[in-house]
Amino acid sequence: MALAPEPPPVAPVAAPVAPTPLDRVAFCESGNRQFGPDGQPLRGAVNPDDVGKYQINEDYHLEAAVRLGLDLNTLEGNEAYARHLYASQGLSPWLWSRPCWGDETRVWVYRDGAWWS
């Protein structure tokens, strides 16, 4: 019986050179976490209406997210809505965390598929 040929080696994927603005926001808002230790969507410590990796405020954005077919409680929906917000409003929805993501002296490290500081 002939052995199947081995697949070609997979080229390593290079880490991004620097975090995008949304990478910085995700770290500063939630520590890159969509879910809390209880397995439920992460809620804001200051405002429990903030949800998920990007701490999107449901009071302001839930209706629009639903119209777009996005569920802010899922990682995919939270990320997609964050991209939508960033494309339409820039970083203004995350001004409260600007001291963190806007700090140009902050050192960023890419590890486990995400940016950390």
Protein backbone atom coordinates (compact mmCIF):
# COMPACT_ATOMS: atom_id res chain seq x y z
CA MET A 1 0.00 0.00 0.00
CA ALA A 2 1.43 3.37 -1.01
CA LEU A 3 1.72 6.07 1.60
CA ALA A 4 0.07 9.39 0.92
CA PRO A 5 2.53 12.18 0.24
CA GLU A 6 3.17 14.53 3.13
CA PRO A 7 1.50 17.92 2.79
CA PRO A 8 3.78 20.87 2.10
CA PRO A 9 5.02 22.68 5.20
CA VAL A 10 2.94 25.60 6.39
CA ALA A 11 4.77 28.89 6.30
CA PRO A 12 4.81 30.63 9.68
CA VAL A 13 2.59 33.67 9.94
CA ALA A 14 4.47 36.79 10.93
CA ALA A 15 3.12 38.79 13.85
CA PRO A 16 1.75 42.22 12.99
CA VAL A 17 4.27 45.02 13.37
CA ALA A 18 2.12 47.17 15.66
CA PRO A 19 -1.35 47.00 17.20
CA THR A 20 -4.20 48.61 15.32
CA PRO A 21 -6.28 51.21 17.17
CA LEU A 22 -8.97 48.56 17.74
CA ASP A 23 -6.35 46.13 19.10
CA ARG A 24 -5.42 48.78 21.65
CA VAL A 25 -9.07 49.44 22.51
CA ALA A 26 -9.78 45.73 23.05
CA PHE A 27 -6.88 45.38 25.46
CA CYS A 28 -7.73 48.56 27.36
CA GLU A 29 -11.48 47.95 27.55
CA SER A 30 -11.55 44.25 28.44
CA GLY A 31 -8.06 42.75 28.51
CA ASN A 32 -9.01 41.14 25.16
CA ARG A 33 -11.80 39.13 26.82
CA GLN A 34 -15.30 38.63 25.44
CA PHE A 35 -16.38 36.46 28.36
CA GLY A 36 -15.96 36.69 32.12
CA PRO A 37 -14.83 33.86 34.39
CA ASP A 38 -18.45 32.70 34.68
CA GLY A 39 -18.62 32.11 30.91
CA GLN A 40 -21.09 34.96 30.43
CA PRO A 41 -20.38 37.99 28.22
CA LEU A 42 -18.05 40.36 30.05
CA ARG A 43 -19.88 43.34 31.52
CA GLY A 44 -18.39 46.69 32.45
CA ALA A 45 -17.32 47.18 36.06
CA VAL A 46 -18.37 50.84 35.96
CA ASN A 47 -21.32 50.48 33.58
CA PRO A 48 -22.91 47.02 33.28
CA ASP A 49 -24.50 48.11 29.97
CA ASP A 50 -21.02 47.84 28.40
CA VAL A 51 -20.58 44.36 26.95
CA GLY A 52 -17.85 42.18 25.50
CA LYS A 53 -14.34 42.56 24.21
CA TYR A 54 -14.92 46.13 23.05
CA GLN A 55 -17.26 47.07 25.94
CA ILE A 56 -19.95 48.30 23.55
CA ASN A 57 -22.68 50.15 25.40
CA GLU A 58 -26.04 48.52 24.83
CA ASP A 59 -28.01 51.65 25.75
CA TYR A 60 -26.48 53.44 22.77
CA HIS A 61 -25.78 50.63 20.33
CA LEU A 62 -27.93 47.53 20.89
CA GLU A 63 -30.74 48.61 18.55
CA ALA A 64 -28.33 49.44 15.72
CA ALA A 65 -26.41 46.19 16.23
CA VAL A 66 -29.63 44.18 16.02
CA ARG A 67 -30.62 46.04 12.82
CA LEU A 68 -27.26 44.96 11.37
CA GLY A 69 -27.92 41.36 12.42
CA LEU A 70 -25.15 41.40 15.05
CA ASP A 71 -25.23 39.91 18.54
CA LEU A 72 -22.98 41.94 20.86
CA ASN A 73 -22.85 38.99 23.26
CA THR A 74 -20.84 36.90 20.78
CA LEU A 75 -17.20 37.55 19.96
CA GLU A 76 -18.00 37.71 16.25
CA GLY A 77 -20.84 40.19 16.73
CA ASN A 78 -18.92 42.34 19.20
CA GLU A 79 -15.91 42.56 16.88
CA ALA A 80 -18.04 43.25 13.80
CA TYR A 81 -19.91 46.04 15.55
CA ALA A 82 -16.65 47.51 16.88
CA ARG A 83 -15.34 47.63 13.29
CA HIS A 84 -18.61 49.29 12.21
CA LEU A 85 -18.30 51.88 14.99
CA TYR A 86 -14.66 52.56 14.19
CA ALA A 87 -15.42 52.99 10.48
CA SER A 88 -18.25 55.43 11.18
CA GLN A 89 -17.08 57.24 14.35
CA GLY A 90 -13.38 56.58 14.77
CA LEU A 91 -12.29 56.11 18.36
CA SER A 92 -14.86 58.50 19.87
CA PRO A 93 -17.02 55.67 21.33
CA TRP A 94 -14.03 54.66 23.49
CA LEU A 95 -12.87 58.06 24.79
CA TRP A 96 -13.16 56.96 28.43
CA SER A 97 -10.31 54.47 27.90
CA ARG A 98 -8.14 56.89 25.90
CA PRO A 99 -5.59 57.29 28.73
CA CYS A 100 -4.79 53.61 28.13
CA TRP A 101 -5.04 53.13 24.34
CA GLY A 102 -3.76 56.61 23.53
CA ASP A 103 -0.64 56.35 25.67
CA GLU A 104 2.23 56.55 23.16
CA THR A 105 4.74 55.41 25.81
CA ARG A 106 2.90 52.11 26.35
CA VAL A 107 4.86 49.04 25.25
CA TRP A 108 2.86 46.44 23.27
CA VAL A 109 3.65 42.74 22.91
CA TYR A 110 1.97 40.35 20.46
CA ARG A 111 1.29 37.00 22.12
CA ASP A 112 -1.28 34.22 21.67
CA GLY A 113 -2.91 36.01 18.74
CA ALA A 114 -3.56 39.30 20.54
CA TRP A 115 -1.80 42.47 21.64
CA TRP A 116 -0.96 42.91 25.34
CA SER A 117 0.58 45.70 27.32
